[in-house]
Amino acid sequence: MFRVEFQECENTTVLKMYGHLVEKYVEAARSLVARSQPKSRFVADLSEMTQVDEAGEQFLHWLKCIGAQFAPGADVYSCGVCDRLHLPRAEGYAFPQTIWTVRCTFASQEV
C-alpha cells in the first residue's frame, strides 16, 4: 500500500509519503504532484516510506528535477535512499501549523 498527503503551510507544500513507493503507484503519484501546483518551497517527506523500487527511485529523481527538497527523518532506510540518490535535504523541516491536508491512498488487490 502507498499513501500520500499534501500539506500546506505558508509558502511550503509538503508531500508526505507512506509505505511502498513502487511501480504500480508511481504514475498516480506523479499525476497528483503534477496537478498540485506546489508552492515556492516543495518538500518531499520520506520519513514514513518503507520501500522504493526502481520506478520509485525515478519518481524521486523527477521530484528533485522539479525542485523538491527531501526530508528523510531519522529512519535509516529513508536516509539511505536520499544519500544513494543524492537527493537535496530540506533544511529546517518543522511546520508550526498545517493549513490543509489532502490524503490519497493507493492499494492493489492481489488474487
PDB file of N, CA and C in Angstrom:
ATOM      1  N   MET A   1       0.842  -1.175   0.000  1.00  0.00           N
ATOM      2  CA  MET A   1       0.000   0.000   0.000  1.00  0.00           C
ATOM      3  C   MET A   1       0.891   1.244   0.000  1.00  0.00           C
ATOM      4  N   PHE A   2       0.367   2.297  -0.562  1.00  0.00           N
ATOM      5  CA  PHE A   2       1.080   3.570  -0.651  1.00  0.00           C
ATOM      6  C   PHE A   2       0.077   4.683  -0.403  1.00  0.00           C
ATOM      7  N   ARG A   3       0.472   5.643   0.408  1.00  0.00           N
ATOM      8  CA  ARG A   3      -0.401   6.790   0.689  1.00  0.00           C
ATOM      9  C   ARG A   3       0.418   8.058   0.590  1.00  0.00           C
ATOM     10  N   VAL A   4      -0.209   9.106   0.072  1.00  0.00           N
ATOM     11  CA  VAL A   4       0.420  10.424   0.039  1.00  0.00           C
ATOM     12  C   VAL A   4      -0.493  11.433   0.701  1.00  0.00           C
ATOM     13  N   GLU A   5       0.122  12.405   1.326  1.00  0.00           N
ATOM     14  CA  GLU A   5      -0.600  13.540   1.888  1.00  0.00           C
ATOM     15  C   GLU A   5       0.059  14.808   1.386  1.00  0.00           C
ATOM     16  N   PHE A   6      -0.742  15.738   0.952  1.00  0.00           N
ATOM     17  CA  PHE A   6      -0.248  17.071   0.635  1.00  0.00           C
ATOM     18  C   PHE A   6      -0.618  17.962   1.808  1.00  0.00           C
ATOM     19  N   GLN A   7       0.357  18.688   2.322  1.00  0.00           N
ATOM     20  CA  GLN A   7       0.115  19.632   3.404  1.00  0.00           C
ATOM     21  C   GLN A   7       0.675  20.975   2.974  1.00  0.00           C
ATOM     22  N   GLU A   8      -0.027  22.030   3.342  1.00  0.00           N
ATOM     23  CA  GLU A   8       0.445  23.367   3.015  1.00  0.00           C
ATOM     24  C   GLU A   8       0.548  24.195   4.269  1.00  0.00           C
ATOM     25  N   CYS A   9       1.608  24.967   4.340  1.00  0.00           N
ATOM     26  CA  CYS A   9       1.832  25.885   5.442  1.00  0.00           C
ATOM     27  C   CYS A   9       2.620  27.060   4.897  1.00  0.00           C
ATOM     28  N   GLU A  10       2.046  28.223   4.977  1.00  0.00           N
ATOM     29  CA  GLU A  10       2.675  29.444   4.479  1.00  0.00           C
ATOM     30  C   GLU A  10       3.131  29.250   3.034  1.00  0.00           C
ATOM     31  N   ASN A  11       4.435  29.323   2.759  1.00  0.00           N
ATOM     32  CA  ASN A  11       4.921  29.224   1.379  1.00  0.00           C
ATOM     33  C   ASN A  11       5.450  27.838   1.035  1.00  0.00           C
ATOM     34  N   THR A  12       5.073  26.808   1.798  1.00  0.00           N
ATOM     35  CA  THR A  12       5.629  25.473   1.621  1.00  0.00           C
ATOM     36  C   THR A  12       4.531  24.440   1.352  1.00  0.00           C
ATOM     37  N   THR A  13       4.777  23.607   0.355  1.00  0.00           N
ATOM     38  CA  THR A  13       3.944  22.440   0.103  1.00  0.00           C
ATOM     39  C   THR A  13       4.751  21.218   0.506  1.00  0.00           C
ATOM     40  N   VAL A  14       4.141  20.349   1.314  1.00  0.00           N
ATOM     41  CA  VAL A  14       4.806  19.127   1.764  1.00  0.00           C
ATOM     42  C   VAL A  14       4.072  17.936   1.158  1.00  0.00           C
ATOM     43  N   LEU A  15       4.821  17.063   0.516  1.00  0.00           N
ATOM     44  CA  LEU A  15       4.307  15.796   0.011  1.00  0.00           C
ATOM     45  C   LEU A  15       4.838  14.722   0.952  1.00  0.00           C
ATOM     46  N   LYS A  16       3.973  14.189   1.805  1.00  0.00           N
ATOM     47  CA  LYS A  16       4.392  13.148   2.745  1.00  0.00           C
ATOM     48  C   LYS A  16       3.986  11.798   2.185  1.00  0.00           C
ATOM     49  N   MET A  17       4.954  10.886   2.086  1.00  0.00           N
ATOM     50  CA  MET A  17       4.712   9.577   1.500  1.00  0.00           C
ATOM     51  C   MET A  17       4.811   8.486   2.560  1.00  0.00           C
ATOM     52  N   TYR A  18       3.882   7.549   2.489  1.00  0.00           N
ATOM     53  CA  TYR A  18       3.810   6.432   3.426  1.00  0.00           C
ATOM     54  C   TYR A  18       3.839   5.110   2.660  1.00  0.00           C
ATOM     55  N   GLY A  19       4.594   4.149   3.145  1.00  0.00           N
ATOM     56  CA  GLY A  19       4.530   2.799   2.595  1.00  0.00           C
ATOM     57  C   GLY A  19       5.448   2.551   1.423  1.00  0.00           C
ATOM     58  N   HIS A  20       4.926   1.816   0.437  1.00  0.00           N
ATOM     59  CA  HIS A  20       5.709   1.291  -0.674  1.00  0.00           C
ATOM     60  C   HIS A  20       5.607   2.184  -1.908  1.00  0.00           C
ATOM     61  N   LEU A  21       6.677   2.877  -2.224  1.00  0.00           N
ATOM     62  CA  LEU A  21       6.739   3.686  -3.444  1.00  0.00           C
ATOM     63  C   LEU A  21       7.267   2.775  -4.541  1.00  0.00           C
ATOM     64  N   VAL A  22       6.348   2.071  -5.183  1.00  0.00           N
ATOM     65  CA  VAL A  22       6.715   1.076  -6.187  1.00  0.00           C
ATOM     66  C   VAL A  22       5.965   1.350  -7.486  1.00  0.00           C
ATOM     67  N   GLU A  23       6.378   0.653  -8.532  1.00  0.00           N
ATOM     68  CA  GLU A  23       5.915   0.925  -9.893  1.00  0.00           C
ATOM     69  C   GLU A  23       4.402   1.051 -10.021  1.00  0.00           C
ATOM     70  N   LYS A  24       3.639   0.198  -9.372  1.00  0.00           N
ATOM     71  CA  LYS A  24       2.188   0.228  -9.569  1.00  0.00           C
ATOM     72  C   LYS A  24       1.528   1.491  -9.031  1.00  0.00           C
ATOM     73  N   TYR A  25       2.241   2.294  -8.209  1.00  0.00           N
ATOM     74  CA  TYR A  25       1.666   3.517  -7.653  1.00  0.00           C
ATOM     75  C   TYR A  25       2.300   4.793  -8.197  1.00  0.00           C
ATOM     76  N   VAL A  26       3.414   4.659  -8.903  1.00  0.00           N
ATOM     77  CA  VAL A  26       4.197   5.827  -9.314  1.00  0.00           C
ATOM     78  C   VAL A  26       3.432   6.748 -10.256  1.00  0.00           C
ATOM     79  N   GLU A  27       2.763   6.216 -11.261  1.00  0.00           N
ATOM     80  CA  GLU A  27       2.090   7.080 -12.231  1.00  0.00           C
ATOM     81  C   GLU A  27       0.979   7.894 -11.572  1.00  0.00           C
ATOM     82  N   ALA A  28       0.234   7.276 -10.668  1.00  0.00           N
ATOM     83  CA  ALA A  28      -0.821   8.009  -9.962  1.00  0.00           C
ATOM     84  C   ALA A  28      -0.214   9.102  -9.083  1.00  0.00           C
ATOM     85  N   ALA A  29       0.892   8.792  -8.419  1.00  0.00           N
ATOM     86  CA  ALA A  29       1.551   9.786  -7.575  1.00  0.00           C
ATOM     87  C   ALA A  29       2.087  10.945  -8.422  1.00  0.00           C
ATOM     88  N   ARG A  30       2.678  10.622  -9.564  1.00  0.00           N
ATOM     89  CA  ARG A  30       3.204  11.664 -10.464  1.00  0.00           C
ATOM     90  C   ARG A  30       2.069  12.575 -10.946  1.00  0.00           C
ATOM     91  N   SER A  31       0.940  11.988 -11.274  1.00  0.00           N
ATOM     92  CA  SER A  31      -0.209  12.757 -11.728  1.00  0.00           C
ATOM     93  C   SER A  31      -0.709  13.700 -10.629  1.00  0.00           C
ATOM     94  N   LEU A  32      -0.763  13.205  -9.398  1.00  0.00           N
ATOM     95  CA  LEU A  32      -1.190  14.052  -8.280  1.00  0.00           C
ATOM     96  C   LEU A  32      -0.251  15.232  -8.075  1.00  0.00           C
ATOM     97  N   VAL A  33       1.043  14.970  -8.125  1.00  0.00           N
ATOM     98  CA  VAL A  33       2.016  16.046  -7.935  1.00  0.00           C
ATOM     99  C   VAL A  33       1.907  17.060  -9.070  1.00  0.00           C
ATOM    100  N   ALA A  34       1.774  16.579 -10.289  1.00  0.00           N
ATOM    101  CA  ALA A  34       1.687  17.477 -11.442  1.00  0.00           C
ATOM    102  C   ALA A  34       0.481  18.403 -11.344  1.00  0.00           C
ATOM    103  N   ARG A  35      -0.620  17.907 -10.784  1.00  0.00           N
ATOM    104  CA  ARG A  35      -1.833  18.725 -10.656  1.00  0.00           C
ATOM    105  C   ARG A  35      -1.824  19.597  -9.412  1.00  0.00           C
ATOM    106  N   SER A  36      -0.929  19.360  -8.479  1.00  0.00           N
ATOM    107  CA  SER A  36      -0.990  20.033  -7.175  1.00  0.00           C
ATOM    108  C   SER A  36      -0.496  21.476  -7.176  1.00  0.00           C
ATOM    109  N   GLN A  37       0.316  21.852  -8.119  1.00  0.00           N
ATOM    110  CA  GLN A  37       0.893  23.192  -8.184  1.00  0.00           C
ATOM    111  C   GLN A  37       1.554  23.572  -6.854  1.00  0.00           C
ATOM    112  N   PRO A  38       2.689  22.909  -6.542  1.00  0.00           N
ATOM    113  CA  PRO A  38       3.375  23.198  -5.277  1.00  0.00           C
ATOM    114  C   PRO A  38       3.759  24.666  -5.131  1.00  0.00           C
ATOM    115  N   LYS A  39       3.815  25.113  -3.885  1.00  0.00           N
ATOM    116  CA  LYS A  39       4.211  26.491  -3.566  1.00  0.00           C
ATOM    117  C   LYS A  39       5.702  26.672  -3.837  1.00  0.00           C
ATOM    118  N   SER A  40       6.239  27.822  -3.447  1.00  0.00           N
ATOM    119  CA  SER A  40       7.630  28.133  -3.762  1.00  0.00           C
ATOM    120  C   SER A  40       8.620  27.155  -3.124  1.00  0.00           C
ATOM    121  N   ARG A  41       8.293  26.626  -1.953  1.00  0.00           N
ATOM    122  CA  ARG A  41       9.145  25.602  -1.341  1.00  0.00           C
ATOM    123  C   ARG A  41       8.373  24.288  -1.369  1.00  0.00           C
ATOM    124  N   PHE A  42       8.996  23.254  -1.922  1.00  0.00           N
ATOM    125  CA  PHE A  42       8.360  21.954  -2.088  1.00  0.00           C
ATOM    126  C   PHE A  42       9.212  20.911  -1.377  1.00  0.00           C
ATOM    127  N   VAL A  43       8.642  20.269  -0.356  1.00  0.00           N
ATOM    128  CA  VAL A  43       9.375  19.289   0.452  1.00  0.00           C
ATOM    129  C   VAL A  43       8.709  17.932   0.311  1.00  0.00           C
ATOM    130  N   ALA A  44       9.505  16.912   0.010  1.00  0.00           N
ATOM    131  CA  ALA A  44       9.030  15.530  -0.013  1.00  0.00           C
ATOM    132  C   ALA A  44       9.481  14.870   1.285  1.00  0.00           C
ATOM    133  N   ASP A  45       8.519  14.540   2.143  1.00  0.00           N
ATOM    134  CA  ASP A  45       8.799  13.914   3.435  1.00  0.00           C
ATOM    135  C   ASP A  45       8.794  12.399   3.238  1.00  0.00           C
ATOM    136  N   LEU A  46       9.949  11.783   3.405  1.00  0.00           N
ATOM    137  CA  LEU A  46      10.112  10.345   3.184  1.00  0.00           C
ATOM    138  C   LEU A  46      10.165   9.559   4.488  1.00  0.00           C
ATOM    139  N   SER A  47       9.882  10.178   5.596  1.00  0.00           N
ATOM    140  CA  SER A  47      10.095   9.559   6.904  1.00  0.00           C
ATOM    141  C   SER A  47       9.226   8.328   7.158  1.00  0.00           C
ATOM    142  N   GLU A  48       8.110   8.182   6.439  1.00  0.00           N
ATOM    143  CA  GLU A  48       7.225   7.027   6.620  1.00  0.00           C
ATOM    144  C   GLU A  48       7.243   6.078   5.417  1.00  0.00           C
ATOM    145  N   MET A  49       8.177   6.276   4.529  1.00  0.00           N
ATOM    146  CA  MET A  49       8.297   5.432   3.348  1.00  0.00           C
ATOM    147  C   MET A  49       9.084   4.174   3.722  1.00  0.00           C
ATOM    148  N   THR A  50       8.588   3.005   3.332  1.00  0.00           N
ATOM    149  CA  THR A  50       9.222   1.755   3.764  1.00  0.00           C
ATOM    150  C   THR A  50       9.866   0.951   2.637  1.00  0.00           C
ATOM    151  N   GLN A  51       9.556   1.270   1.386  1.00  0.00           N
ATOM    152  CA  GLN A  51      10.141   0.532   0.264  1.00  0.00           C
ATOM    153  C   GLN A  51      10.124   1.398  -0.984  1.00  0.00           C
ATOM    154  N   VAL A  52      11.199   1.314  -1.762  1.00  0.00           N
ATOM    155  CA  VAL A  52      11.285   2.023  -3.034  1.00  0.00           C
ATOM    156  C   VAL A  52      11.890   1.076  -4.058  1.00  0.00           C
ATOM    157  N   ASP A  53      11.226   0.925  -5.215  1.00  0.00           N
ATOM    158  CA  ASP A  53      11.824   0.139  -6.291  1.00  0.00           C
ATOM    159  C   ASP A  53      12.417   1.096  -7.327  1.00  0.00           C
ATOM    160  N   GLU A  54      12.840   0.562  -8.468  1.00  0.00           N
ATOM    161  CA  GLU A  54      13.483   1.393  -9.484  1.00  0.00           C
ATOM    162  C   GLU A  54      12.548   2.488 -10.001  1.00  0.00           C
ATOM    163  N   ALA A  55      11.275   2.160 -10.217  1.00  0.00           N
ATOM    164  CA  ALA A  55      10.311   3.173 -10.675  1.00  0.00           C
ATOM    165  C   ALA A  55      10.123   4.252  -9.609  1.00  0.00           C
ATOM    166  N   GLY A  56      10.108   3.854  -8.348  1.00  0.00           N
ATOM    167  CA  GLY A  56      10.011   4.810  -7.249  1.00  0.00           C
ATOM    168  C   GLY A  56      11.225   5.725  -7.202  1.00  0.00           C
ATOM    169  N   GLU A  57      12.398   5.169  -7.448  1.00  0.00           N
ATOM    170  CA  GLU A  57      13.612   5.983  -7.496  1.00  0.00           C
ATOM    171  C   GLU A  57      13.538   7.006  -8.626  1.00  0.00           C
ATOM    172  N   GLN A  58      13.017   6.594  -9.776  1.00  0.00           N
ATOM    173  CA  GLN A  58      12.864   7.525 -10.894  1.00  0.00           C
ATOM    174  C   GLN A  58      11.881   8.638 -10.537  1.00  0.00           C
ATOM    175  N   PHE A  59      10.823   8.290  -9.806  1.00  0.00           N
ATOM    176  CA  PHE A  59       9.862   9.295  -9.347  1.00  0.00           C
ATOM    177  C   PHE A  59      10.536  10.296  -8.409  1.00  0.00           C
ATOM    178  N   LEU A  60      11.347   9.800  -7.478  1.00  0.00           N
ATOM    179  CA  LEU A  60      12.064  10.698  -6.567  1.00  0.00           C
ATOM    180  C   LEU A  60      13.022  11.599  -7.340  1.00  0.00           C
ATOM    181  N   HIS A  61      13.691  11.053  -8.348  1.00  0.00           N
ATOM    182  CA  HIS A  61      14.579  11.870  -9.187  1.00  0.00           C
ATOM    183  C   HIS A  61      13.770  12.948  -9.915  1.00  0.00           C
ATOM    184  N   TRP A  62      12.578  12.600 -10.409  1.00  0.00           N
ATOM    185  CA  TRP A  62      11.700  13.574 -11.064  1.00  0.00           C
ATOM    186  C   TRP A  62      11.316  14.685 -10.090  1.00  0.00           C
ATOM    187  N   LEU A  63      10.984  14.303  -8.851  1.00  0.00           N
ATOM    188  CA  LEU A  63      10.670  15.326  -7.834  1.00  0.00           C
ATOM    189  C   LEU A  63      11.855  16.276  -7.650  1.00  0.00           C
ATOM    190  N   LYS A  64      13.055  15.709  -7.606  1.00  0.00           N
ATOM    191  CA  LYS A  64      14.262  16.528  -7.477  1.00  0.00           C
ATOM    192  C   LYS A  64      14.371  17.497  -8.657  1.00  0.00           C
ATOM    193  N   CYS A  65      14.085  17.009  -9.861  1.00  0.00           N
ATOM    194  CA  CYS A  65      14.178  17.842 -11.071  1.00  0.00           C
ATOM    195  C   CYS A  65      13.173  18.981 -11.078  1.00  0.00           C
ATOM    196  N   ILE A  66      12.033  18.794 -10.417  1.00  0.00           N
ATOM    197  CA  ILE A  66      11.045  19.878 -10.390  1.00  0.00           C
ATOM    198  C   ILE A  66      11.206  20.765  -9.148  1.00  0.00           C
ATOM    199  N   GLY A  67      12.302  20.561  -8.401  1.00  0.00           N
ATOM    200  CA  GLY A  67      12.641  21.476  -7.325  1.00  0.00           C
ATOM    201  C   GLY A  67      12.360  21.016  -5.912  1.00  0.00           C
ATOM    202  N   ALA A  68      11.991  19.756  -5.734  1.00  0.00           N
ATOM    203  CA  ALA A  68      11.712  19.273  -4.378  1.00  0.00           C
ATOM    204  C   ALA A  68      12.991  19.140  -3.562  1.00  0.00           C
ATOM    205  N   GLN A  69      12.836  19.373  -2.275  1.00  0.00           N
ATOM    206  CA  GLN A  69      13.856  19.060  -1.292  1.00  0.00           C
ATOM    207  C   GLN A  69      13.310  17.884  -0.490  1.00  0.00           C
ATOM    208  N   PHE A  70      14.161  17.125   0.162  1.00  0.00           N
ATOM    209  CA  PHE A  70      13.741  15.869   0.775  1.00  0.00           C
ATOM    210  C   PHE A  70      14.028  15.846   2.268  1.00  0.00           C
ATOM    211  N   ALA A  71      13.060  15.320   3.009  1.00  0.00           N
ATOM    212  CA  ALA A  71      13.178  15.177   4.462  1.00  0.00           C
ATOM    213  C   ALA A  71      13.045  13.689   4.796  1.00  0.00           C
ATOM    214  N   PRO A  72      14.160  13.008   5.037  1.00  0.00           N
ATOM    215  CA  PRO A  72      14.086  11.578   5.307  1.00  0.00           C
ATOM    216  C   PRO A  72      13.740  11.228   6.751  1.00  0.00           C
ATOM    217  N   GLY A  73      13.774  12.195   7.642  1.00  0.00           N
ATOM    218  CA  GLY A  73      13.553  11.887   9.055  1.00  0.00           C
ATOM    219  C   GLY A  73      14.736  11.125   9.613  1.00  0.00           C
ATOM    220  N   ALA A  74      14.508  10.374  10.679  1.00  0.00           N
ATOM    221  CA  ALA A  74      15.587   9.640  11.340  1.00  0.00           C
ATOM    222  C   ALA A  74      15.686   8.193  10.862  1.00  0.00           C
ATOM    223  N   ASP A  75      14.788   7.777   9.973  1.00  0.00           N
ATOM    224  CA  ASP A  75      14.757   6.399   9.504  1.00  0.00           C
ATOM    225  C   ASP A  75      15.988   6.081   8.657  1.00  0.00           C
ATOM    226  N   VAL A  76      16.665   4.997   8.973  1.00  0.00           N
ATOM    227  CA  VAL A  76      17.882   4.610   8.268  1.00  0.00           C
ATOM    228  C   VAL A  76      17.594   4.331   6.792  1.00  0.00           C
ATOM    229  N   TYR A  77      16.484   3.663   6.495  1.00  0.00           N
ATOM    230  CA  TYR A  77      16.157   3.333   5.101  1.00  0.00           C
ATOM    231  C   TYR A  77      15.970   4.605   4.278  1.00  0.00           C
ATOM    232  N   SER A  78      15.154   5.533   4.761  1.00  0.00           N
ATOM    233  CA  SER A  78      14.895   6.779   4.014  1.00  0.00           C
ATOM    234  C   SER A  78      16.160   7.609   3.863  1.00  0.00           C
ATOM    235  N   CYS A  79      16.971   7.663   4.907  1.00  0.00           N
ATOM    236  CA  CYS A  79      18.249   8.392   4.815  1.00  0.00           C
ATOM    237  C   CYS A  79      19.149   7.750   3.763  1.00  0.00           C
ATOM    238  N   GLY A  80      19.166   6.421   3.738  1.00  0.00           N
ATOM    239  CA  GLY A  80      19.975   5.706   2.745  1.00  0.00           C
ATOM    240  C   GLY A  80      19.518   5.983   1.329  1.00  0.00           C
ATOM    241  N   VAL A  81      18.209   6.044   1.114  1.00  0.00           N
ATOM    242  CA  VAL A  81      17.669   6.362  -0.213  1.00  0.00           C
ATOM    243  C   VAL A  81      18.104   7.762  -0.625  1.00  0.00           C
ATOM    244  N   CYS A  82      17.981   8.721   0.283  1.00  0.00           N
ATOM    245  CA  CYS A  82      18.396  10.101  -0.026  1.00  0.00           C
ATOM    246  C   CYS A  82      19.882  10.175  -0.365  1.00  0.00           C
ATOM    247  N   ASP A  83      20.693   9.481   0.414  1.00  0.00           N
ATOM    248  CA  ASP A  83      22.137   9.506   0.169  1.00  0.00           C
ATOM    249  C   ASP A  83      22.483   8.841  -1.161  1.00  0.00           C
ATOM    250  N   ARG A  84      21.912   7.669  -1.417  1.00  0.00           N
ATOM    251  CA  ARG A  84      22.224   6.913  -2.628  1.00  0.00           C
ATOM    252  C   ARG A  84      21.805   7.654  -3.894  1.00  0.00           C
ATOM    253  N   LEU A  85      20.668   8.358  -3.825  1.00  0.00           N
ATOM    254  CA  LEU A  85      20.159   9.074  -4.999  1.00  0.00           C
ATOM    255  C   LEU A  85      20.599  10.533  -5.048  1.00  0.00           C
ATOM    256  N   HIS A  86      21.408  10.953  -4.065  1.00  0.00           N
ATOM    257  CA  HIS A  86      21.902  12.335  -3.992  1.00  0.00           C
ATOM    258  C   HIS A  86      20.755  13.339  -4.011  1.00  0.00           C
ATOM    259  N   LEU A  87      19.755  13.095  -3.160  1.00  0.00           N
ATOM    260  CA  LEU A  87      18.598  13.984  -3.079  1.00  0.00           C
ATOM    261  C   LEU A  87      18.900  15.122  -2.112  1.00  0.00           C
ATOM    262  N   PRO A  88      18.595  16.358  -2.491  1.00  0.00           N
ATOM    263  CA  PRO A  88      18.891  17.502  -1.620  1.00  0.00           C
ATOM    264  C   PRO A  88      18.006  17.484  -0.364  1.00  0.00           C
ATOM    265  N   ARG A  89      18.629  17.683   0.786  1.00  0.00           N
ATOM    266  CA  ARG A  89      17.907  17.658   2.059  1.00  0.00           C
ATOM    267  C   ARG A  89      17.201  18.983   2.316  1.00  0.00           C
ATOM    268  N   ALA A  90      16.019  18.873   2.890  1.00  0.00           N
ATOM    269  CA  ALA A  90      15.255  20.055   3.286  1.00  0.00           C
ATOM    270  C   ALA A  90      15.754  20.506   4.649  1.00  0.00           C
ATOM    271  N   GLU A  91      16.277  21.682   4.710  1.00  0.00           N
ATOM    272  CA  GLU A  91      16.749  22.234   5.978  1.00  0.00           C
ATOM    273  C   GLU A  91      15.576  22.859   6.717  1.00  0.00           C
ATOM    274  N   GLY A  92      15.536  22.695   8.016  1.00  0.00           N
ATOM    275  CA  GLY A  92      14.507  23.322   8.831  1.00  0.00           C
ATOM    276  C   GLY A  92      13.116  22.770   8.591  1.00  0.00           C
ATOM    277  N   TYR A  93      13.012  21.453   8.413  1.00  0.00           N
ATOM    278  CA  TYR A  93      11.705  20.842   8.154  1.00  0.00           C
ATOM    279  C   TYR A  93      10.930  20.699   9.463  1.00  0.00           C
ATOM    280  N   ALA A  94      10.261  21.769   9.848  1.00  0.00           N
ATOM    281  CA  ALA A  94       9.374  21.780  11.016  1.00  0.00           C
ATOM    282  C   ALA A  94       8.318  22.834  10.754  1.00  0.00           C
ATOM    283  N   PHE A  95       7.070  22.435  10.770  1.00  0.00           N
ATOM    284  CA  PHE A  95       5.999  23.350  10.438  1.00  0.00           C
ATOM    285  C   PHE A  95       5.076  23.523  11.630  1.00  0.00           C
ATOM    286  N   PRO A  96       4.828  24.762  12.033  1.00  0.00           N
ATOM    287  CA  PRO A  96       4.025  25.007  13.228  1.00  0.00           C
ATOM    288  C   PRO A  96       2.555  24.672  13.080  1.00  0.00           C
ATOM    289  N   GLN A  97       2.001  24.845  11.876  1.00  0.00           N
ATOM    290  CA  GLN A  97       0.571  24.631  11.695  1.00  0.00           C
ATOM    291  C   GLN A  97       0.301  24.276  10.240  1.00  0.00           C
ATOM    292  N   THR A  98      -0.501  23.251  10.034  1.00  0.00           N
ATOM    293  CA  THR A  98      -0.883  22.860   8.689  1.00  0.00           C
ATOM    294  C   THR A  98      -2.142  23.615   8.293  1.00  0.00           C
ATOM    295  N   ILE A  99      -2.127  24.198   7.122  1.00  0.00           N
ATOM    296  CA  ILE A  99      -3.285  24.925   6.623  1.00  0.00           C
ATOM    297  C   ILE A  99      -4.336  23.940   6.111  1.00  0.00           C
ATOM    298  N   TRP A 100      -3.929  22.977   5.284  1.00  0.00           N
ATOM    299  CA  TRP A 100      -4.855  21.960   4.798  1.00  0.00           C
ATOM    300  C   TRP A 100      -4.084  20.704   4.456  1.00  0.00           C
ATOM    301  N   THR A 101      -4.797  19.586   4.435  1.00  0.00           N
ATOM    302  CA  THR A 101      -4.201  18.296   4.101  1.00  0.00           C
ATOM    303  C   THR A 101      -5.129  17.557   3.150  1.00  0.00           C
ATOM    304  N   VAL A 102      -4.545  16.941   2.138  1.00  0.00           N
ATOM    305  CA  VAL A 102      -5.279  16.073   1.223  1.00  0.00           C
ATOM    306  C   VAL A 102      -4.611  14.713   1.285  1.00  0.00           C
ATOM    307  N   ARG A 103      -5.396  13.649   1.517  1.00  0.00           N
ATOM    308  CA  ARG A 103      -4.847  12.296   1.599  1.00  0.00           C
ATOM    309  C   ARG A 103      -5.336  11.468   0.417  1.00  0.00           C
ATOM    310  N   CYS A 104      -4.430  10.696  -0.165  1.00  0.00           N
ATOM    311  CA  CYS A 104      -4.769   9.758  -1.230  1.00  0.00           C
ATOM    312  C   CYS A 104      -4.099   8.436  -0.914  1.00  0.00           C
ATOM    313  N   THR A 105      -4.868   7.358  -0.912  1.00  0.00           N
ATOM    314  CA  THR A 105      -4.326   6.039  -0.626  1.00  0.00           C
ATOM    315  C   THR A 105      -4.475   5.163  -1.862  1.00  0.00           C
ATOM    316  N   PHE A 106      -3.414   4.464  -2.187  1.00  0.00           N
ATOM    317  CA  PHE A 106      -3.412   3.544  -3.322  1.00  0.00           C
ATOM    318  C   PHE A 106      -3.168   2.144  -2.778  1.00  0.00           C
ATOM    319  N   ALA A 107      -4.017   1.222  -3.132  1.00  0.00           N
ATOM    320  CA  ALA A 107      -3.833  -0.159  -2.695  1.00  0.00           C
ATOM    321  C   ALA A 107      -4.130  -1.062  -3.880  1.00  0.00           C
ATOM    322  N   SER A 108      -3.354  -2.103  -3.997  1.00  0.00           N
ATOM    323  CA  SER A 108      -3.613  -3.053  -5.067  1.00  0.00           C
ATOM    324  C   SER A 108      -4.352  -4.240  -4.501  1.00  0.00           C
ATOM    325  N   GLN A 109      -5.141  -4.825  -5.337  1.00  0.00           N
ATOM    326  CA  GLN A 109      -5.853  -6.038  -4.934  1.00  0.00           C
ATOM    327  C   GLN A 109      -5.127  -7.211  -5.571  1.00  0.00           C
ATOM    328  N   GLU A 110      -4.613  -8.075  -4.736  1.00  0.00           N
ATOM    329  CA  GLU A 110      -3.900  -9.236  -5.238  1.00  0.00           C
ATOM    330  C   GLU A 110      -4.775 -10.455  -5.104  1.00  0.00           C
ATOM    331  N   VAL A 111      -4.729 -11.314  -6.104  1.00  0.00           N
ATOM    332  CA  VAL A 111      -5.552 -12.524  -6.092  1.00  0.00           C
ATOM    333  C   VAL A 111      -4.772 -13.676  -5.541  1.00  0.00           C
TER     334      VAL A 111
END
